[in-house]
Protein backbone atom coordinates (compact mmCIF):
# COMPACT_ATOMS: atom_id res chain seq x y z
CA UNK A 1 -68.31 267.74 -19.90
CA UNK A 2 -71.59 268.85 -18.34
CA UNK A 3 -74.11 266.52 -16.74
CA UNK A 4 -76.47 267.05 -19.66
CA UNK A 5 -73.74 266.14 -22.17
CA UNK A 6 -72.88 263.04 -20.14
CA UNK A 7 -76.49 261.85 -20.14
CA UNK A 8 -76.84 262.57 -23.85
CA UNK A 9 -73.66 260.66 -24.65
CA UNK A 10 -74.53 257.64 -22.53
CA UNK A 11 -78.31 257.81 -22.93
CA UNK A 12 -78.78 254.30 -24.30
CA UNK A 13 -76.51 252.68 -21.70
CA UNK A 14 -78.23 254.55 -18.89
CA UNK A 15 -81.63 253.46 -20.13
CA UNK A 16 -80.53 249.83 -20.09
CA UNK A 17 -79.14 250.26 -16.57
CA UNK A 18 -82.42 251.86 -15.52
CA UNK A 19 -84.37 248.92 -16.94
CA UNK A 20 -82.16 246.37 -15.15
CA UNK A 21 -82.55 248.26 -11.86
CA UNK A 22 -86.32 248.19 -12.24
CA UNK A 23 -86.28 244.45 -12.98
CA UNK A 24 -84.23 243.81 -9.82
CA UNK A 25 -85.53 246.50 -7.47
CA UNK A 26 -89.30 246.14 -7.91
CA UNK A 27 -89.41 242.35 -7.20
CA UNK A 28 -87.12 242.86 -4.17
CA UNK A 29 -89.40 245.57 -2.79
CA UNK A 30 -92.47 243.40 -3.41
CA UNK A 31 -90.78 240.50 -1.59
CA UNK A 32 -89.80 242.68 1.38
CA UNK A 33 -93.30 244.10 1.65
CA UNK A 34 -94.93 240.65 1.40
CA UNK A 35 -92.51 239.19 3.97
CA UNK A 36 -93.30 242.06 6.31
CA UNK A 37 -97.04 241.42 5.92
CA UNK A 38 -96.55 237.69 6.61
CA UNK A 39 -94.47 238.43 9.72
CA UNK A 40 -97.09 240.86 11.01
CA UNK A 41 -99.80 238.30 10.37
CA UNK A 42 -97.84 235.68 12.34
CA UNK A 43 -97.29 238.16 15.17
CA UNK A 44 -101.02 238.97 15.29
CA UNK A 45 -101.80 235.24 15.46
CA UNK A 46 -99.41 234.90 18.41
CA UNK A 47 -101.08 237.81 20.20
CA UNK A 48 -104.52 236.27 19.59
CA UNK A 49 -103.39 232.89 20.96
CA UNK A 50 -101.84 234.59 23.97
CA UNK A 51 -105.07 236.42 24.80
CA UNK A 52 -107.22 233.33 24.25
CA UNK A 53 -104.90 231.27 26.44
CA UNK A 54 -105.06 233.76 29.31
CA UNK A 55 -108.86 233.94 29.00
CA UNK A 56 -109.06 230.15 29.17
CA UNK A 57 -106.71 230.12 32.16
CA UNK A 58 -108.88 232.62 34.04
CA UNK A 59 -111.98 230.50 33.35
CA UNK A 60 -110.28 227.33 34.67
CA UNK A 61 -108.91 229.29 37.64
CA UNK A 62 -112.45 230.36 38.60
CA UNK A 63 -113.58 226.74 38.23
CA UNK A 64 -110.94 225.21 40.58
CA UNK A 65 -110.45 228.08 43.06
CA UNK A 66 -113.05 226.86 45.60
CA UNK A 67 -111.33 223.45 45.85
CA UNK A 68 -107.70 224.55 45.94
CA UNK A 69 -107.11 222.70 49.23
CA UNK A 70 -108.77 219.46 48.09
CA UNK A 71 -106.11 217.84 45.94
CA UNK A 72 -108.23 214.82 45.10
CA UNK A 73 -111.08 216.94 43.82
CA UNK A 74 -108.57 219.16 41.99
CA UNK A 75 -107.16 216.12 40.23
CA UNK A 76 -110.66 215.11 39.14
CA UNK A 77 -111.57 218.59 37.89
CA UNK A 78 -108.32 219.04 35.96
CA UNK A 79 -108.76 215.67 34.24
CA UNK A 80 -112.34 216.55 33.30
CA UNK A 81 -111.30 219.91 31.87
CA UNK A 82 -108.46 218.34 29.84
CA UNK A 83 -110.78 215.68 28.42
CA UNK A 84 -113.50 218.21 27.58
CA UNK A 85 -111.29 220.42 25.41
CA UNK A 86 -109.34 219.34 22.33
CA UNK A 87 -107.07 222.35 22.63
CA UNK A 88 -105.91 221.53 26.17
CA UNK A 89 -103.15 218.92 25.96
CA UNK A 90 -102.29 219.05 29.66
CA UNK A 91 -103.13 221.01 32.78
CA UNK A 92 -101.34 221.03 36.16
CA UNK A 93 -101.44 222.81 39.50
CA UNK A 94 -98.09 223.45 41.21
CA UNK A 95 -97.52 224.55 44.81
CA UNK A 96 -94.35 226.42 45.81
CA UNK A 97 -92.25 224.34 48.17
CA UNK A 98 -88.73 225.09 49.46
CA UNK A 99 -87.51 226.97 46.41
CA UNK A 100 -89.18 224.65 43.92
CA UNK A 101 -92.68 223.78 42.72
CA UNK A 102 -94.43 220.48 43.42
CA UNK A 103 -97.18 219.19 41.14
CA UNK A 104 -100.20 218.40 43.35
CA UNK A 105 -102.68 217.71 40.55
CA UNK A 106 -102.21 217.11 36.84
CA UNK A 107 -103.90 215.60 33.81
CA UNK A 108 -100.49 214.17 32.83
CA UNK A 109 -100.12 210.59 33.99
CA UNK A 110 -97.58 210.05 36.82
CA UNK A 111 -96.76 213.77 36.99
CA UNK A 112 -98.30 214.30 40.46
CA UNK A 113 -95.70 214.72 43.18
CA UNK A 114 -92.90 215.82 40.83
CA UNK A 115 -90.84 218.79 42.03
CA UNK A 116 -89.60 221.32 39.49
CA UNK A 117 -87.45 224.46 39.50
CA UNK A 118 -88.07 227.15 36.90
CA UNK A 119 -87.83 230.96 36.77
CA UNK A 120 -90.92 230.80 34.57
CA UNK A 121 -93.03 229.52 37.48
CA UNK A 122 -91.53 232.11 39.84
CA UNK A 123 -92.42 234.85 37.40
CA UNK A 124 -95.94 233.48 36.93
CA UNK A 125 -96.49 233.38 40.72
CA UNK A 126 -95.45 237.02 40.93
CA UNK A 127 -98.14 238.13 38.48
CA UNK A 128 -101.22 240.00 39.80
CA UNK A 129 -104.29 237.89 40.47
CA UNK A 130 -106.26 237.32 37.30
CA UNK A 131 -103.19 237.95 35.14
CA UNK A 132 -100.54 235.55 33.97
CA UNK A 133 -98.00 234.50 31.34
CA UNK A 134 -98.51 232.90 27.93
CA UNK A 135 -95.71 231.89 25.57
CA UNK A 136 -94.85 229.19 23.09
CA UNK A 137 -92.71 226.22 24.10
CA UNK A 138 -89.73 227.61 22.16
CA UNK A 139 -89.39 230.32 24.83
CA UNK A 140 -89.91 227.99 27.83
CA UNK A 141 -87.01 226.39 29.69
CA UNK A 142 -86.83 222.60 29.97
CA UNK A 143 -87.85 222.42 33.63
CA UNK A 144 -90.98 224.52 33.05
CA UNK A 145 -92.06 222.23 30.24
CA UNK A 146 -91.21 219.05 32.11
CA UNK A 147 -94.62 219.08 33.75
CA UNK A 148 -96.10 218.25 30.35
CA UNK A 149 -93.82 215.44 29.24
CA UNK A 150 -91.74 215.48 26.03
CA UNK A 151 -90.93 218.82 24.39
CA UNK A 152 -90.09 217.30 21.02
CA UNK A 153 -93.15 218.89 19.50
CA UNK A 154 -92.92 222.04 21.57
CA UNK A 155 -93.25 224.29 18.56
CA UNK A 156 -96.95 223.37 18.28
CA UNK A 157 -97.90 224.32 21.84
CA UNK A 158 -98.27 227.30 24.12
CA UNK A 159 -97.75 227.29 27.88
CA UNK A 160 -100.10 229.43 30.00
CA UNK A 161 -99.25 230.01 33.66
CA UNK A 162 -101.10 232.17 36.18
CA UNK A 163 -101.15 232.44 39.98
CA UNK A 164 -103.92 230.84 42.03
CA UNK A 165 -105.06 232.45 45.29
CA UNK A 166 -107.07 231.00 48.14
CA UNK A 167 -110.24 232.45 49.65
CA UNK A 168 -108.17 234.94 51.65
CA UNK A 169 -106.46 236.28 48.50
CA UNK A 170 -103.10 234.71 49.32
CA UNK A 171 -101.21 233.24 46.35
CA UNK A 172 -100.94 229.52 46.93
CA UNK A 173 -100.17 227.86 43.62
CA UNK A 174 -99.48 228.20 39.89
CA UNK A 175 -101.94 226.90 37.31
CA UNK A 176 -100.23 225.78 34.08
CA UNK A 177 -102.00 224.86 30.85
CA UNK A 178 -100.52 223.35 27.73
CA UNK A 179 -102.53 224.53 24.69
CA UNK A 180 -102.24 222.89 21.29
CA UNK A 181 -101.87 225.35 18.40
CA UNK A 182 -101.44 222.71 15.71
CA UNK A 183 -104.57 223.76 13.78
CA UNK A 184 -103.63 227.42 13.96
CA UNK A 185 -100.09 226.65 12.87
CA UNK A 186 -101.32 224.57 9.93
CA UNK A 187 -103.64 227.38 8.84
CA UNK A 188 -100.83 229.91 9.22
CA UNK A 189 -98.42 227.76 7.22
CA UNK A 190 -101.08 227.23 4.53
CA UNK A 191 -101.75 230.97 4.32
CA UNK A 192 -98.03 231.73 4.30
CA UNK A 193 -97.40 229.19 1.54
CA UNK A 194 -100.28 230.64 -0.50
CA UNK A 195 -98.87 234.13 0.06
CA UNK A 196 -95.43 232.99 -1.08
CA UNK A 197 -96.90 231.43 -4.24
CA UNK A 198 -98.84 234.62 -4.89
CA UNK A 199 -95.65 236.59 -4.30
CA UNK A 200 -93.74 234.41 -6.76
CA UNK A 201 -96.49 234.82 -9.36
CA UNK A 202 -96.55 238.59 -8.81
CA UNK A 203 -92.77 238.86 -9.14
CA UNK A 204 -92.84 236.72 -12.30
CA UNK A 205 -95.58 238.92 -13.80
CA UNK A 206 -93.71 242.11 -12.87
CA UNK A 207 -90.45 240.81 -14.37
CA UNK A 208 -92.34 239.76 -17.52
CA UNK A 209 -93.92 243.19 -17.96
CA UNK A 210 -90.62 244.93 -17.21
CA UNK A 211 -88.89 242.84 -19.87
CA UNK A 212 -91.63 243.84 -22.31
CA UNK A 213 -91.17 247.47 -21.25
CA UNK A 214 -87.42 247.22 -21.88
CA UNK A 215 -88.20 245.76 -25.31
CA UNK A 216 -90.51 248.70 -25.99
CA UNK A 217 -87.68 251.02 -24.99
CA UNK A 218 -85.57 249.37 -27.69
CA UNK A 219 -88.34 250.01 -30.20
CA UNK A 220 -88.64 253.61 -29.00
CA UNK A 221 -84.90 254.14 -29.39
CA UNK A 222 -85.02 252.56 -32.86
CA UNK A 223 -87.94 254.76 -33.87
CA UNK A 224 -86.12 257.81 -32.58
CA UNK A 225 -83.07 256.83 -34.60
CA UNK A 226 -85.21 256.33 -37.71
CA UNK A 227 -86.72 259.78 -37.23
CA UNK A 228 -83.24 261.28 -36.92
CA UNK A 229 -82.04 259.48 -40.07
CA UNK A 230 -85.17 260.59 -41.93
CA UNK A 231 -84.54 264.16 -40.87
CA UNK A 232 -80.94 263.90 -42.07
CA UNK A 233 -82.21 262.51 -45.39
CA UNK A 234 -84.58 265.44 -45.83
CA UNK A 235 -81.82 267.90 -45.05
CA UNK A 236 -79.50 266.20 -47.55
CA UNK A 237 -82.15 266.18 -50.30
CA UNK A 238 -82.93 269.83 -49.66
CA UNK A 239 -79.25 270.80 -49.74
CA UNK A 240 -78.47 268.69 -52.84
CA UNK A 241 -81.51 270.06 -54.66
CA UNK A 242 -80.50 273.64 -54.04
CA UNK A 243 -76.91 272.89 -55.05
CA UNK A 244 -78.10 271.31 -58.32
CA UNK A 245 -80.31 274.26 -59.13
CA UNK A 246 -77.32 276.57 -59.58
CA UNK A 247 -75.55 274.79 -62.51
CA UNK A 248 -78.85 273.71 -64.10
CA UNK A 249 -80.06 277.33 -64.10
CA UNK A 250 -76.83 278.37 -65.80
CA UNK A 251 -77.21 275.62 -68.45
CA UNK A 252 -80.79 276.66 -69.18
CA UNK A 253 -79.80 280.33 -69.32
CA UNK A 254 -76.98 279.83 -71.81
CA UNK A 255 -79.01 277.44 -73.96
CA UNK A 256 -81.83 280.02 -74.09
CA UNK A 257 -79.35 282.72 -75.12
CA UNK A 258 -78.08 280.46 -77.92
CA UNK A 259 -81.63 279.82 -79.16
CA UNK A 260 -82.54 283.52 -79.05
CA UNK A 261 -79.38 284.56 -80.95
CA UNK A 262 -77.87 286.55 -78.08
CA UNK A 263 -74.57 284.76 -78.70
CA UNK A 264 -74.61 285.25 -82.46
CA UNK A 265 -76.16 283.35 -85.31
CA UNK A 266 -75.85 279.55 -85.17
CA UNK A 267 -76.84 276.83 -87.53
CA UNK A 268 -80.14 275.02 -87.39
CA UNK A 269 -78.38 271.89 -86.20
CA UNK A 270 -76.78 273.83 -83.33
CA UNK A 271 -80.18 275.34 -82.46
CA UNK A 272 -81.67 271.85 -82.33
CA UNK A 273 -78.89 270.71 -80.02
CA UNK A 274 -79.37 273.80 -77.83
CA UNK A 275 -83.09 273.04 -77.66
CA UNK A 276 -82.37 269.49 -76.53
CA UNK A 277 -79.94 270.85 -73.91
CA UNK A 278 -82.54 273.26 -72.64
CA UNK A 279 -85.23 270.56 -72.57
CA UNK A 280 -82.95 268.14 -70.68
CA UNK A 281 -81.98 270.86 -68.22
CA UNK A 282 -85.67 271.60 -67.74
CA UNK A 283 -86.24 267.93 -67.01
CA UNK A 284 -83.43 268.06 -64.46
CA UNK A 285 -85.05 271.10 -62.86
CA UNK A 286 -88.32 269.16 -62.66
CA UNK A 287 -86.49 266.21 -61.12
CA UNK A 288 -84.95 268.46 -58.46
CA UNK A 289 -88.37 269.96 -57.80
CA UNK A 290 -89.81 266.45 -57.52
CA UNK A 291 -87.18 265.59 -54.89
CA UNK A 292 -88.17 268.65 -52.90
CA UNK A 293 -91.82 267.77 -53.33
CA UNK A 294 -91.23 264.28 -51.92
CA UNK A 295 -89.97 265.85 -48.69
CA UNK A 296 -92.89 268.25 -48.63
CA UNK A 297 -95.37 265.40 -49.17
CA UNK A 298 -93.83 263.33 -46.33
CA UNK A 299 -94.08 266.34 -44.02
CA UNK A 300 -97.64 267.05 -45.11
CA UNK A 301 -96.72 270.50 -46.43
CA UNK A 302 -97.86 270.03 -50.01
CA UNK A 303 -101.29 269.84 -51.61
CA UNK A 304 -101.49 267.70 -54.76
CA UNK A 305 -103.68 269.06 -57.56
CA UNK A 306 -104.79 266.41 -60.04
CA UNK A 307 -105.71 267.46 -63.60
CA UNK A 308 -106.02 265.86 -67.00
CA UNK A 309 -103.08 266.03 -69.44
CA UNK A 310 -102.00 264.76 -72.85
CA UNK A 311 -98.94 262.53 -72.73
CA UNK A 312 -97.92 263.24 -76.37
CA UNK A 313 -95.82 266.26 -75.50
CA UNK A 314 -94.02 264.48 -72.67
CA UNK A 315 -93.30 261.44 -74.83
CA UNK A 316 -91.90 263.57 -77.65
CA UNK A 317 -89.64 265.45 -75.22
CA UNK A 318 -88.32 262.18 -73.82
CA UNK A 319 -87.64 260.85 -77.34
CA UNK A 320 -85.80 264.03 -78.28
CA UNK A 321 -83.68 263.71 -75.11
CA UNK A 322 -82.80 260.06 -75.67
CA UNK A 323 -82.23 260.23 -79.45
CA UNK A 324 -78.55 261.11 -79.01
CA UNK A 325 -77.88 258.01 -76.89
CA UNK A 326 -79.96 255.86 -79.24
CA UNK A 327 -78.01 257.11 -82.29
CA UNK A 328 -74.71 256.20 -80.62
CA UNK A 329 -75.96 252.67 -80.37
CA UNK A 330 -77.34 252.74 -83.92
CA UNK A 331 -80.92 252.66 -82.64
CA UNK A 332 -83.92 254.71 -83.58
CA UNK A 333 -86.76 255.94 -81.39
CA UNK A 334 -90.05 256.48 -83.18
CA UNK A 335 -93.35 257.62 -81.68
CA UNK A 336 -96.32 257.00 -83.95
């Protein structure tokens, strides 16, 4: 069996399989694409927050740099900055001290004087001046976040850390800022939820239209089948008509010979019967021709010519044809 024969044999089944694949595959691809867009959007938001956090850290660094040795004034400035901005939840300055970091000034109550150990602070201190680190609390170890109190809501905050140098350019401390991203997260979640609803509506619409398309395929297959059956009907009518023509032609030929005396003299009664036979055979020929004409009309291959006629002759021929059957039943047909 060739590939073409296989597809012809299983055409309907393959079309159904194709429709099911479309119904499943298209929504899946739409979902994957939408999820990818949402993930990229979230990633771009993270990058934006990271850049804004570092910019804010540089601004605060420039503000406190002249007073880095005055811890009292630092404490005052950090508290003022934290109170002035709704985004800043906490801000601290940590000095390296014997392998750890000691908080010398902080907007967090009772945090001053606390010593902490964290690779995050070591990495922040190693950054070039004017540069720093920015990450969400999910990626910060517990000790690094301890300067800001509880981490229970860490998912809504970002931690910015950058080195602080003195007037001589020597790195002396690490400035850490806790930024609230609650508003951004709420907007992102709202947009993501709206995107998911839109995705669900899109998938539902696509599935609906695909189901309609599959239904149309059923109609197309049915129409194709009807066309095939109609073609078979035309072929049968054409074949049957031609097959009927052969015996009818013989009947008409022999009845004509009887009427013309080619088969010897016959009685008037026999001539009348032969005439009826010939007339009936002629009617059968007309019927066969009508069957052929029906096919020609359906195919648009026949022009119909309308003209006036007198029905008397047709009625008389029909009466002559049916008189034999009427006589058998003791009936009479009269046309007046």
